[in-house]
N, C-alpha and C. Protein backbone atom coordinates (compact mmCIF):
# COMPACT_ATOMS: atom_id res chain seq x y z
N SER A 1 21.89 155.34 -1.77
CA SER A 1 22.14 155.48 -3.21
C SER A 1 20.99 154.86 -4.00
N ASN A 2 20.85 155.28 -5.22
CA ASN A 2 19.75 154.81 -6.06
C ASN A 2 20.14 153.60 -6.88
N TRP A 3 19.15 152.78 -7.18
CA TRP A 3 19.34 151.59 -7.98
C TRP A 3 19.65 151.96 -9.43
N VAL A 4 20.64 151.29 -10.00
CA VAL A 4 21.00 151.49 -11.41
C VAL A 4 20.69 150.20 -12.14
N SER A 5 19.88 150.26 -13.20
CA SER A 5 19.56 149.05 -13.96
C SER A 5 20.79 148.61 -14.74
N THR A 6 21.16 147.34 -14.58
CA THR A 6 22.33 146.79 -15.28
C THR A 6 21.94 145.46 -15.91
N GLY A 7 22.83 144.90 -16.72
CA GLY A 7 22.58 143.57 -17.30
C GLY A 7 22.36 142.53 -16.23
N THR A 8 23.14 142.61 -15.15
CA THR A 8 22.99 141.64 -14.06
C THR A 8 21.64 141.79 -13.38
N SER A 9 21.23 143.02 -13.12
CA SER A 9 19.95 143.18 -12.44
C SER A 9 18.79 142.74 -13.33
N GLN A 10 18.93 142.94 -14.64
CA GLN A 10 17.91 142.44 -15.57
C GLN A 10 17.85 140.91 -15.50
N HIS A 11 19.02 140.29 -15.45
CA HIS A 11 19.12 138.84 -15.40
C HIS A 11 18.49 138.29 -14.11
N LEU A 12 18.67 139.00 -13.00
CA LEU A 12 18.19 138.51 -11.70
C LEU A 12 16.74 138.87 -11.43
N ARG A 13 16.20 139.82 -12.18
CA ARG A 13 14.82 140.25 -11.95
C ARG A 13 13.87 139.07 -12.18
N GLY A 14 12.91 138.95 -11.28
CA GLY A 14 11.89 137.92 -11.48
C GLY A 14 12.37 136.51 -11.21
N ARG A 15 13.55 136.37 -10.60
CA ARG A 15 14.03 135.03 -10.24
C ARG A 15 13.06 134.38 -9.28
N ARG A 16 12.88 133.08 -9.43
CA ARG A 16 12.02 132.34 -8.52
C ARG A 16 12.58 132.42 -7.11
N SER A 17 11.70 132.53 -6.14
CA SER A 17 12.15 132.40 -4.75
C SER A 17 11.64 131.08 -4.18
N ARG A 18 10.69 130.47 -4.85
CA ARG A 18 10.15 129.17 -4.42
C ARG A 18 10.30 128.17 -5.56
N SER A 19 10.40 126.92 -5.18
CA SER A 19 10.48 125.83 -6.17
C SER A 19 11.60 126.07 -7.18
N THR A 20 12.75 126.48 -6.66
CA THR A 20 13.94 126.65 -7.50
C THR A 20 14.46 125.28 -7.92
N ALA A 21 15.34 125.25 -8.89
CA ALA A 21 15.88 123.97 -9.37
C ALA A 21 16.53 123.16 -8.24
N PRO A 22 17.38 123.76 -7.38
CA PRO A 22 17.96 122.96 -6.29
C PRO A 22 16.89 122.45 -5.32
N GLU A 23 15.87 123.27 -5.07
CA GLU A 23 14.79 122.85 -4.18
C GLU A 23 14.06 121.64 -4.78
N LEU A 24 13.76 121.69 -6.07
CA LEU A 24 13.08 120.56 -6.73
C LEU A 24 13.93 119.31 -6.67
N LYS A 25 15.25 119.47 -6.87
CA LYS A 25 16.17 118.33 -6.82
C LYS A 25 16.15 117.69 -5.43
N LEU A 26 16.15 118.52 -4.39
CA LEU A 26 16.10 118.00 -3.03
C LEU A 26 14.75 117.32 -2.76
N ARG A 27 13.66 117.94 -3.19
CA ARG A 27 12.33 117.35 -2.99
C ARG A 27 12.23 115.98 -3.65
N ARG A 28 12.72 115.87 -4.87
CA ARG A 28 12.69 114.56 -5.56
C ARG A 28 13.49 113.52 -4.79
N ALA A 29 14.65 113.92 -4.29
CA ALA A 29 15.50 112.98 -3.54
C ALA A 29 14.83 112.56 -2.23
N LEU A 30 14.25 113.53 -1.52
CA LEU A 30 13.56 113.21 -0.26
C LEU A 30 12.40 112.25 -0.52
N HIS A 31 11.62 112.55 -1.55
CA HIS A 31 10.45 111.74 -1.88
C HIS A 31 10.86 110.32 -2.25
N ALA A 32 11.96 110.21 -3.00
CA ALA A 32 12.43 108.90 -3.48
C ALA A 32 12.80 107.97 -2.33
N VAL A 33 13.26 108.53 -1.20
CA VAL A 33 13.62 107.68 -0.06
C VAL A 33 12.50 107.62 0.98
N GLY A 34 11.32 108.13 0.63
CA GLY A 34 10.15 107.92 1.47
C GLY A 34 9.76 109.06 2.39
N PHE A 35 10.50 110.18 2.35
CA PHE A 35 10.11 111.31 3.19
C PHE A 35 8.90 112.01 2.59
N ARG A 36 7.98 112.42 3.45
CA ARG A 36 6.83 113.19 3.01
C ARG A 36 6.91 114.55 3.65
N PHE A 37 6.51 115.57 2.89
CA PHE A 37 6.73 116.94 3.35
C PHE A 37 5.61 117.85 2.90
N ARG A 38 5.55 119.01 3.53
CA ARG A 38 4.64 120.08 3.13
C ARG A 38 5.49 121.21 2.61
N LEU A 39 5.00 121.88 1.57
CA LEU A 39 5.77 122.94 0.92
C LEU A 39 5.39 124.32 1.42
N HIS A 40 6.41 125.12 1.63
CA HIS A 40 6.27 126.56 1.91
C HIS A 40 5.24 126.90 2.98
N PRO A 41 5.26 126.17 4.11
CA PRO A 41 4.32 126.52 5.17
C PRO A 41 4.82 127.75 5.92
N SER A 42 3.94 128.40 6.62
CA SER A 42 4.34 129.46 7.52
C SER A 42 4.22 128.90 8.93
N LEU A 43 5.34 128.77 9.63
CA LEU A 43 5.32 128.27 11.01
C LEU A 43 4.97 129.39 11.97
N ALA A 44 5.34 130.60 11.58
CA ALA A 44 5.05 131.80 12.36
C ALA A 44 5.39 132.97 11.45
N ARG A 45 4.97 134.16 11.84
CA ARG A 45 5.34 135.32 11.03
C ARG A 45 6.87 135.43 10.99
N GLY A 46 7.42 135.46 9.79
CA GLY A 46 8.87 135.55 9.65
C GLY A 46 9.56 134.20 9.68
N CYS A 47 8.79 133.13 9.67
CA CYS A 47 9.39 131.79 9.70
C CYS A 47 8.70 130.94 8.63
N ASN A 48 9.26 130.98 7.42
CA ASN A 48 8.65 130.33 6.26
C ASN A 48 9.66 129.41 5.57
N PRO A 49 9.83 128.21 6.11
CA PRO A 49 10.78 127.28 5.47
C PRO A 49 10.30 126.89 4.08
N ASP A 50 11.23 126.36 3.27
CA ASP A 50 10.87 125.89 1.93
C ASP A 50 10.05 124.61 2.01
N LEU A 51 10.34 123.79 3.02
CA LEU A 51 9.53 122.60 3.25
C LEU A 51 9.68 122.17 4.69
N VAL A 52 8.68 121.44 5.15
CA VAL A 52 8.78 120.84 6.49
C VAL A 52 8.48 119.35 6.36
N LEU A 53 9.12 118.61 7.25
CA LEU A 53 8.86 117.18 7.40
C LEU A 53 8.06 117.06 8.70
N PRO A 54 6.72 117.12 8.61
CA PRO A 54 5.91 117.23 9.84
C PRO A 54 6.13 116.07 10.81
N ARG A 55 6.28 114.88 10.27
CA ARG A 55 6.45 113.69 11.12
C ARG A 55 7.69 113.82 12.02
N TYR A 56 8.69 114.56 11.53
CA TYR A 56 9.96 114.71 12.26
C TYR A 56 10.12 116.12 12.83
N ARG A 57 9.07 116.93 12.69
CA ARG A 57 9.10 118.33 13.15
C ARG A 57 10.40 119.01 12.72
N THR A 58 10.69 118.88 11.44
CA THR A 58 11.92 119.43 10.88
C THR A 58 11.60 120.41 9.76
N ALA A 59 12.19 121.59 9.86
CA ALA A 59 12.01 122.65 8.87
C ALA A 59 13.28 122.78 8.04
N VAL A 60 13.12 122.88 6.72
CA VAL A 60 14.26 122.91 5.80
C VAL A 60 14.18 124.16 4.93
N TRP A 61 15.29 124.88 4.87
CA TRP A 61 15.42 125.99 3.94
C TRP A 61 16.51 125.67 2.93
N VAL A 62 16.26 125.99 1.66
CA VAL A 62 17.28 125.88 0.61
C VAL A 62 17.68 127.31 0.26
N ASP A 63 18.92 127.65 0.56
CA ASP A 63 19.38 129.02 0.39
C ASP A 63 20.18 129.18 -0.90
N GLY A 64 19.76 130.13 -1.72
CA GLY A 64 20.53 130.50 -2.90
C GLY A 64 21.85 131.12 -2.46
N CYS A 65 22.95 130.67 -3.02
CA CYS A 65 24.28 131.10 -2.56
C CYS A 65 24.48 132.61 -2.70
N PHE A 66 24.01 133.19 -3.81
CA PHE A 66 24.17 134.64 -3.98
C PHE A 66 23.31 135.40 -2.99
N TRP A 67 22.02 135.06 -2.94
CA TRP A 67 21.05 135.85 -2.16
C TRP A 67 21.29 135.77 -0.67
N HIS A 68 21.90 134.68 -0.20
CA HIS A 68 22.09 134.49 1.24
C HIS A 68 23.56 134.61 1.64
N GLY A 69 24.41 135.03 0.71
CA GLY A 69 25.77 135.41 1.04
C GLY A 69 26.72 134.27 1.35
N HIS A 70 26.61 133.17 0.59
CA HIS A 70 27.56 132.08 0.81
C HIS A 70 28.98 132.51 0.49
N GLY A 71 29.10 133.45 -0.44
CA GLY A 71 30.40 134.11 -0.62
C GLY A 71 31.32 133.51 -1.66
N HIS A 72 31.06 132.30 -2.14
CA HIS A 72 32.00 131.71 -3.07
C HIS A 72 31.95 132.31 -4.47
N GLN A 73 30.94 133.15 -4.76
CA GLN A 73 30.91 133.82 -6.06
C GLN A 73 31.67 135.14 -6.01
N GLY A 74 32.22 135.49 -4.85
CA GLY A 74 32.89 136.77 -4.70
C GLY A 74 31.91 137.84 -4.27
N GLU A 75 32.44 139.01 -4.05
CA GLU A 75 31.65 140.15 -3.59
C GLU A 75 30.79 140.71 -4.72
N PRO A 76 29.60 141.24 -4.40
CA PRO A 76 28.82 141.93 -5.42
C PRO A 76 29.63 143.09 -5.98
N ALA A 77 29.51 143.30 -7.28
CA ALA A 77 30.28 144.36 -7.94
C ALA A 77 29.33 145.27 -8.69
N GLY A 78 29.86 146.35 -9.20
CA GLY A 78 29.08 147.25 -10.03
C GLY A 78 28.43 148.37 -9.25
N PRO A 79 27.61 149.15 -9.94
CA PRO A 79 27.04 150.36 -9.32
C PRO A 79 26.07 150.07 -8.18
N ASN A 80 25.56 148.84 -8.09
CA ASN A 80 24.59 148.50 -7.05
C ASN A 80 25.20 147.67 -5.92
N SER A 81 26.53 147.58 -5.89
CA SER A 81 27.18 146.64 -4.95
C SER A 81 26.80 146.92 -3.50
N ASP A 82 26.70 148.19 -3.11
CA ASP A 82 26.32 148.49 -1.72
C ASP A 82 24.90 148.03 -1.43
N LEU A 83 23.99 148.25 -2.40
CA LEU A 83 22.60 147.81 -2.22
C LEU A 83 22.52 146.30 -2.13
N TRP A 84 23.29 145.59 -2.99
CA TRP A 84 23.31 144.12 -2.94
C TRP A 84 23.81 143.66 -1.58
N ARG A 85 24.91 144.28 -1.12
CA ARG A 85 25.48 143.87 0.18
C ARG A 85 24.46 144.05 1.30
N ARG A 86 23.74 145.17 1.29
CA ARG A 86 22.73 145.41 2.33
C ARG A 86 21.59 144.38 2.22
N LYS A 87 21.19 144.08 1.00
CA LYS A 87 20.12 143.09 0.77
C LYS A 87 20.54 141.72 1.31
N ILE A 88 21.76 141.32 0.97
CA ILE A 88 22.27 140.00 1.40
C ILE A 88 22.39 139.96 2.92
N GLN A 89 22.89 141.05 3.52
CA GLN A 89 23.01 141.10 4.98
C GLN A 89 21.63 141.01 5.65
N ALA A 90 20.65 141.71 5.08
CA ALA A 90 19.28 141.64 5.63
C ALA A 90 18.74 140.22 5.51
N ASN A 91 19.02 139.55 4.39
CA ASN A 91 18.60 138.15 4.22
C ASN A 91 19.23 137.28 5.30
N GLN A 92 20.54 137.46 5.54
CA GLN A 92 21.24 136.64 6.53
C GLN A 92 20.66 136.84 7.93
N GLU A 93 20.35 138.11 8.25
CA GLU A 93 19.77 138.39 9.57
C GLU A 93 18.38 137.76 9.69
N ARG A 94 17.60 137.82 8.60
CA ARG A 94 16.28 137.19 8.59
C ARG A 94 16.41 135.67 8.73
N ASP A 95 17.42 135.08 8.07
CA ASP A 95 17.65 133.64 8.16
C ASP A 95 17.89 133.22 9.61
N ILE A 96 18.71 133.98 10.33
CA ILE A 96 19.03 133.66 11.72
C ILE A 96 17.76 133.74 12.57
N ARG A 97 16.96 134.80 12.37
CA ARG A 97 15.71 134.95 13.12
C ARG A 97 14.75 133.80 12.83
N ALA A 98 14.65 133.40 11.56
CA ALA A 98 13.72 132.33 11.18
C ALA A 98 14.09 131.01 11.84
N VAL A 99 15.38 130.69 11.86
CA VAL A 99 15.84 129.45 12.51
C VAL A 99 15.55 129.51 14.00
N ARG A 100 15.82 130.66 14.61
CA ARG A 100 15.56 130.81 16.05
C ARG A 100 14.07 130.64 16.33
N LEU A 101 13.22 131.24 15.51
CA LEU A 101 11.76 131.11 15.67
C LEU A 101 11.34 129.65 15.58
N ALA A 102 11.82 128.96 14.54
CA ALA A 102 11.45 127.55 14.35
C ALA A 102 11.86 126.73 15.57
N ARG A 103 13.08 126.94 16.05
CA ARG A 103 13.56 126.16 17.21
C ARG A 103 12.74 126.48 18.46
N ASN A 104 12.39 127.76 18.63
CA ASN A 104 11.57 128.15 19.79
C ASN A 104 10.20 127.49 19.72
N LEU A 105 9.72 127.19 18.52
CA LEU A 105 8.42 126.52 18.34
C LEU A 105 8.54 125.00 18.41
N GLY A 106 9.74 124.50 18.67
CA GLY A 106 9.94 123.07 18.83
C GLY A 106 10.26 122.33 17.54
N TRP A 107 10.70 123.04 16.52
CA TRP A 107 11.09 122.42 15.25
C TRP A 107 12.60 122.31 15.18
N ARG A 108 13.08 121.23 14.58
CA ARG A 108 14.47 121.18 14.16
C ARG A 108 14.58 122.05 12.92
N ALA A 109 15.71 122.70 12.73
CA ALA A 109 15.86 123.60 11.60
C ALA A 109 17.17 123.31 10.90
N ILE A 110 17.10 123.26 9.57
CA ILE A 110 18.32 123.05 8.79
C ILE A 110 18.28 123.94 7.55
N ARG A 111 19.39 124.62 7.31
CA ARG A 111 19.54 125.47 6.13
C ARG A 111 20.57 124.79 5.24
N ILE A 112 20.26 124.70 3.96
CA ILE A 112 21.11 124.00 3.01
C ILE A 112 21.45 124.94 1.87
N TRP A 113 22.71 125.02 1.50
CA TRP A 113 23.14 125.85 0.37
C TRP A 113 22.79 125.15 -0.94
N GLU A 114 22.36 125.94 -1.92
CA GLU A 114 22.05 125.37 -3.24
C GLU A 114 23.26 124.63 -3.81
N CYS A 115 24.49 125.13 -3.57
CA CYS A 115 25.68 124.47 -4.13
C CYS A 115 25.88 123.08 -3.52
N GLU A 116 25.46 122.88 -2.27
CA GLU A 116 25.57 121.56 -1.63
C GLU A 116 24.67 120.55 -2.34
N ILE A 117 23.45 120.99 -2.67
CA ILE A 117 22.49 120.12 -3.36
C ILE A 117 23.02 119.80 -4.75
N ASN A 118 23.51 120.83 -5.45
CA ASN A 118 24.01 120.62 -6.81
C ASN A 118 25.23 119.72 -6.81
N ALA A 119 26.07 119.81 -5.78
CA ALA A 119 27.30 119.01 -5.74
C ALA A 119 27.00 117.57 -5.36
N ASN A 120 26.11 117.36 -4.35
CA ASN A 120 25.90 115.99 -3.87
C ASN A 120 24.63 115.92 -3.05
N VAL A 121 23.50 115.70 -3.73
CA VAL A 121 22.22 115.67 -3.02
C VAL A 121 22.15 114.50 -2.04
N GLY A 122 22.86 113.42 -2.32
CA GLY A 122 22.89 112.28 -1.39
C GLY A 122 23.52 112.65 -0.06
N GLN A 123 24.57 113.46 -0.11
CA GLN A 123 25.22 113.92 1.12
C GLN A 123 24.26 114.82 1.91
N VAL A 124 23.49 115.65 1.21
CA VAL A 124 22.50 116.51 1.87
C VAL A 124 21.43 115.64 2.54
N LEU A 125 20.97 114.61 1.84
CA LEU A 125 20.00 113.68 2.45
C LEU A 125 20.56 113.08 3.74
N GLY A 126 21.83 112.73 3.71
CA GLY A 126 22.49 112.18 4.89
C GLY A 126 22.49 113.16 6.05
N ARG A 127 22.73 114.44 5.74
CA ARG A 127 22.71 115.48 6.78
C ARG A 127 21.32 115.61 7.39
N ILE A 128 20.30 115.58 6.54
CA ILE A 128 18.92 115.69 7.02
C ILE A 128 18.58 114.49 7.89
N ARG A 129 18.93 113.30 7.40
CA ARG A 129 18.70 112.07 8.19
C ARG A 129 19.40 112.16 9.54
N GLY A 130 20.64 112.63 9.54
CA GLY A 130 21.41 112.75 10.78
C GLY A 130 20.73 113.68 11.78
N LEU A 131 20.18 114.78 11.27
CA LEU A 131 19.48 115.73 12.13
C LEU A 131 18.21 115.11 12.71
N ILE A 132 17.48 114.40 11.85
CA ILE A 132 16.21 113.80 12.27
C ILE A 132 16.42 112.71 13.32
N GLU A 133 17.53 112.01 13.21
CA GLU A 133 17.76 110.88 14.11
C GLU A 133 18.35 111.31 15.46
N LEU A 134 18.64 112.62 15.60
CA LEU A 134 19.12 113.11 16.90
C LEU A 134 17.98 112.99 17.92
N PRO A 135 18.32 112.64 19.16
CA PRO A 135 17.26 112.62 20.17
C PRO A 135 16.77 114.05 20.43
N ASP A 136 15.52 114.20 20.79
CA ASP A 136 14.95 115.52 21.08
C ASP A 136 15.59 116.17 22.29
């Protein structure tokens, strides 16, 4: 089916995919407790985390709830709903491949929902710390 321009699609057009507000919030929190990171590196083709903590060989992705299908906003609606669903499903499949790639390269991998950061960035920091402190 063909794309139909709607108010929602106008609103979503040109949305940032990097350095989003939740990503910036997480970066500030990580930096404040002493973590140092590199932004948007490519670990391999198809494996582009939002940031890595090189010292801990940890790759972090911040996933937008709509784009990656967290589901709490409900199903996509309107004339483009099938296209949105396919886009979100493709994103989810790419997410799984990227995590697998990172792990195969010897990186720890963690995906974080934007809503988790917005709700409690301290809890997210705790999750990252917990992952880093696991034995290899």
